[in-house]
Amino acid sequence: QVQLVESGGGLVQAGGSLRLSCAVSGRTLSSSAMGWFRQAPGKERVFVATISRSGSTYYSDSVKGRFTISRDNAKNTVYLQMNSLKPEDTAVYYCAAHTKLGIRSRSSDYEYWGQGTQVTVSS
């Protein structure tokens, strides 16, 4: 009964900011490593960021320095703060969870997925 629900997507202009949220139910957030992926129209889903159970973070080169992943275990919520947004950031963003060890950046390593939330960045 694990469920992940994303929110916070929307339309912003280039240079703007958005904060995505992912609410986790059915298990405690502390038991899972969390990740964010995105999929642009006509393209494959790609890795964005991940945060481990201990709080270690890792980012794709395309977002490093602009995006920040964090989590609030008490609220069972993971966040993706997106700053300095670019048109190429436009995509459906997905929250995902896995129970494996180590940093994971492959979609196939994640067992649970949210429904996605649309982020559109205008020129």
C-alpha atoms as a PDB file:
ATOM      1  CA  GLN A   1       0.000   0.000   0.000  1.00  0.00           C
ATOM      2  CA  VAL A   2       2.975   2.307  -0.482  1.00  0.00           C
ATOM      3  CA  GLN A   3       1.922   5.452  -2.276  1.00  0.00           C
ATOM      4  CA  LEU A   4       3.901   8.452  -3.477  1.00  0.00           C
ATOM      5  CA  VAL A   5       2.087  11.646  -4.438  1.00  0.00           C
ATOM      6  CA  GLU A   6       3.900  14.557  -6.074  1.00  0.00           C
ATOM      7  CA  SER A   7       2.743  18.152  -5.998  1.00  0.00           C
ATOM      8  CA  GLY A   8       4.079  21.628  -6.671  1.00  0.00           C
ATOM      9  CA  GLY A   9       4.519  21.544 -10.419  1.00  0.00           C
ATOM     10  CA  GLY A  10       3.450  24.404 -12.612  1.00  0.00           C
ATOM     11  CA  LEU A  11       4.431  27.010 -15.154  1.00  0.00           C
ATOM     12  CA  VAL A  12       7.327  29.364 -14.465  1.00  0.00           C
ATOM     13  CA  GLN A  13       9.540  31.646 -16.496  1.00  0.00           C
ATOM     14  CA  ALA A  14      13.207  30.947 -17.067  1.00  0.00           C
ATOM     15  CA  GLY A  15      15.218  31.913 -14.019  1.00  0.00           C
ATOM     16  CA  GLY A  16      12.352  31.232 -11.657  1.00  0.00           C
ATOM     17  CA  SER A  17      11.950  28.666  -8.906  1.00  0.00           C
ATOM     18  CA  LEU A  18       9.630  25.857  -7.910  1.00  0.00           C
ATOM     19  CA  ARG A  19       9.551  23.434  -5.016  1.00  0.00           C
ATOM     20  CA  LEU A  20       8.183  19.978  -5.641  1.00  0.00           C
ATOM     21  CA  SER A  21       6.875  17.839  -2.808  1.00  0.00           C
ATOM     22  CA  CYS A  22       6.435  14.090  -2.582  1.00  0.00           C
ATOM     23  CA  ALA A  23       4.263  12.732   0.201  1.00  0.00           C
ATOM     24  CA  VAL A  24       4.905   9.100   1.125  1.00  0.00           C
ATOM     25  CA  SER A  25       2.304   6.870   2.749  1.00  0.00           C
ATOM     26  CA  GLY A  26       2.308   3.209   3.676  1.00  0.00           C
ATOM     27  CA  ARG A  27       5.814   3.289   5.129  1.00  0.00           C
ATOM     28  CA  THR A  28       8.103   5.656   6.956  1.00  0.00           C
ATOM     29  CA  LEU A  29      10.220   7.869   4.759  1.00  0.00           C
ATOM     30  CA  SER A  30      13.264   7.037   6.862  1.00  0.00           C
ATOM     31  CA  SER A  31      13.192   3.431   5.648  1.00  0.00           C
ATOM     32  CA  SER A  32      13.720   4.363   1.998  1.00  0.00           C
ATOM     33  CA  ALA A  33      16.131   6.212  -0.181  1.00  0.00           C
ATOM     34  CA  MET A  34      14.315   8.681  -2.407  1.00  0.00           C
ATOM     35  CA  GLY A  35      14.905   9.977  -5.889  1.00  0.00           C
ATOM     36  CA  TRP A  36      13.568  12.383  -8.447  1.00  0.00           C
ATOM     37  CA  PHE A  37      13.456  11.634 -12.159  1.00  0.00           C
ATOM     38  CA  ARG A  38      12.081  13.581 -15.082  1.00  0.00           C
ATOM     39  CA  GLN A  39      10.829  12.852 -18.558  1.00  0.00           C
ATOM     40  CA  ALA A  40      10.610  15.443 -21.292  1.00  0.00           C
ATOM     41  CA  PRO A  41       8.256  15.000 -24.257  1.00  0.00           C
ATOM     42  CA  GLY A  42       9.612  12.421 -26.676  1.00  0.00           C
ATOM     43  CA  LYS A  43      12.547  11.543 -24.433  1.00  0.00           C
ATOM     44  CA  GLU A  44      13.409   8.821 -21.950  1.00  0.00           C
ATOM     45  CA  ARG A  45      13.097   9.221 -18.207  1.00  0.00           C
ATOM     46  CA  VAL A  46      16.352  10.478 -16.704  1.00  0.00           C
ATOM     47  CA  PHE A  47      17.795  10.764 -13.231  1.00  0.00           C
ATOM     48  CA  VAL A  48      17.680  14.105 -11.439  1.00  0.00           C
ATOM     49  CA  ALA A  49      18.593  13.665  -7.771  1.00  0.00           C
ATOM     50  CA  THR A  50      18.580  11.210  -4.891  1.00  0.00           C
ATOM     51  CA  ILE A  51      18.843  11.316  -1.119  1.00  0.00           C
ATOM     52  CA  SER A  52      19.888   8.353   0.988  1.00  0.00           C
ATOM     53  CA  ARG A  53      18.504   7.178   4.307  1.00  0.00           C
ATOM     54  CA  SER A  54      21.383   8.935   6.018  1.00  0.00           C
ATOM     55  CA  GLY A  55      20.834  12.177   4.128  1.00  0.00           C
ATOM     56  CA  SER A  56      23.581  11.942   1.526  1.00  0.00           C
ATOM     57  CA  THR A  57      22.647  13.545  -1.781  1.00  0.00           C
ATOM     58  CA  TYR A  58      23.674  13.123  -5.385  1.00  0.00           C
ATOM     59  CA  TYR A  59      22.658  15.085  -8.479  1.00  0.00           C
ATOM     60  CA  SER A  60      22.858  14.796 -12.207  1.00  0.00           C
ATOM     61  CA  ASP A  61      25.319  17.184 -13.821  1.00  0.00           C
ATOM     62  CA  SER A  62      22.501  19.024 -15.557  1.00  0.00           C
ATOM     63  CA  VAL A  63      20.930  20.189 -12.282  1.00  0.00           C
ATOM     64  CA  LYS A  64      23.862  20.274  -9.869  1.00  0.00           C
ATOM     65  CA  GLY A  65      24.131  23.669  -8.214  1.00  0.00           C
ATOM     66  CA  ARG A  66      20.560  24.604  -9.119  1.00  0.00           C
ATOM     67  CA  PHE A  67      18.417  21.876  -7.547  1.00  0.00           C
ATOM     68  CA  THR A  68      18.366  20.663  -3.952  1.00  0.00           C
ATOM     69  CA  ILE A  69      16.787  17.453  -2.712  1.00  0.00           C
ATOM     70  CA  SER A  70      15.818  17.223   0.939  1.00  0.00           C
ATOM     71  CA  ARG A  71      13.530  15.258   3.178  1.00  0.00           C
ATOM     72  CA  ASP A  72      11.483  15.703   6.304  1.00  0.00           C
ATOM     73  CA  ASN A  73      11.104  12.295   7.902  1.00  0.00           C
ATOM     74  CA  ALA A  74       8.621  13.572  10.481  1.00  0.00           C
ATOM     75  CA  LYS A  75       6.293  14.625   7.662  1.00  0.00           C
ATOM     76  CA  ASN A  76       7.099  11.663   5.404  1.00  0.00           C
ATOM     77  CA  THR A  77       7.827  14.132   2.637  1.00  0.00           C
ATOM     78  CA  VAL A  78      10.707  14.606   0.229  1.00  0.00           C
ATOM     79  CA  TYR A  79      11.290  17.869  -1.622  1.00  0.00           C
ATOM     80  CA  LEU A  80      13.007  19.077  -4.733  1.00  0.00           C
ATOM     81  CA  GLN A  81      13.851  22.768  -4.654  1.00  0.00           C
ATOM     82  CA  MET A  82      14.463  23.944  -8.201  1.00  0.00           C
ATOM     83  CA  ASN A  83      16.155  27.298  -8.750  1.00  0.00           C
ATOM     84  CA  SER A  84      17.426  29.083 -11.852  1.00  0.00           C
ATOM     85  CA  LEU A  85      15.069  27.054 -13.981  1.00  0.00           C
ATOM     86  CA  LYS A  86      15.775  26.690 -17.671  1.00  0.00           C
ATOM     87  CA  PRO A  87      13.467  25.767 -20.553  1.00  0.00           C
ATOM     88  CA  GLU A  88      15.310  22.456 -20.829  1.00  0.00           C
ATOM     89  CA  ASP A  89      14.081  21.601 -17.328  1.00  0.00           C
ATOM     90  CA  THR A  90      10.578  21.264 -18.741  1.00  0.00           C
ATOM     91  CA  ALA A  91       9.383  17.733 -18.044  1.00  0.00           C
ATOM     92  CA  VAL A  92       7.131  15.560 -15.979  1.00  0.00           C
ATOM     93  CA  TYR A  93       8.883  15.053 -12.662  1.00  0.00           C
ATOM     94  CA  TYR A  94       8.517  11.758 -10.828  1.00  0.00           C
ATOM     95  CA  CYS A  95       9.213  10.908  -7.224  1.00  0.00           C
ATOM     96  CA  ALA A  96      10.498   7.403  -6.541  1.00  0.00           C
ATOM     97  CA  ALA A  97      11.671   5.238  -3.651  1.00  0.00           C
ATOM     98  CA  HIS A  98      13.983   2.270  -3.262  1.00  0.00           C
ATOM     99  CA  THR A  99      15.200   0.067  -0.430  1.00  0.00           C
ATOM    100  CA  LYS A 100      18.583  -0.913  -1.864  1.00  0.00           C
ATOM    101  CA  LEU A 101      21.981   0.049  -0.511  1.00  0.00           C
ATOM    102  CA  GLY A 102      24.116   2.768  -2.018  1.00  0.00           C
ATOM    103  CA  ILE A 103      23.414   5.606  -4.386  1.00  0.00           C
ATOM    104  CA  ARG A 104      21.041   4.616  -7.169  1.00  0.00           C
ATOM    105  CA  SER A 105      20.447   6.584 -10.356  1.00  0.00           C
ATOM    106  CA  ARG A 106      18.752   3.986 -12.553  1.00  0.00           C
ATOM    107  CA  SER A 107      14.991   3.904 -12.909  1.00  0.00           C
ATOM    108  CA  SER A 108      15.054   0.118 -12.626  1.00  0.00           C
ATOM    109  CA  ASP A 109      16.462   0.339  -9.090  1.00  0.00           C
ATOM    110  CA  TYR A 110      13.393   2.106  -7.759  1.00  0.00           C
ATOM    111  CA  GLU A 111      10.422   0.063  -6.569  1.00  0.00           C
ATOM    112  CA  TYR A 112       7.820   2.752  -5.943  1.00  0.00           C
ATOM    113  CA  TRP A 113       6.791   5.660  -8.135  1.00  0.00           C
ATOM    114  CA  GLY A 114       4.497   8.624  -7.968  1.00  0.00           C
ATOM    115  CA  GLN A 115       2.165   9.731 -10.727  1.00  0.00           C
ATOM    116  CA  GLY A 116       4.315  12.658 -11.800  1.00  0.00           C
ATOM    117  CA  THR A 117       3.846  16.403 -11.815  1.00  0.00           C
ATOM    118  CA  GLN A 118       4.313  18.702 -14.793  1.00  0.00           C
ATOM    119  CA  VAL A 119       6.959  21.416 -14.718  1.00  0.00           C
ATOM    120  CA  THR A 120       6.988  23.854 -17.609  1.00  0.00           C
ATOM    121  CA  VAL A 121       9.629  26.559 -17.946  1.00  0.00           C
ATOM    122  CA  SER A 122       8.961  29.231 -20.535  1.00  0.00           C
ATOM    123  CA  SER A 123      11.662  31.067 -22.472  1.00  0.00           C
END
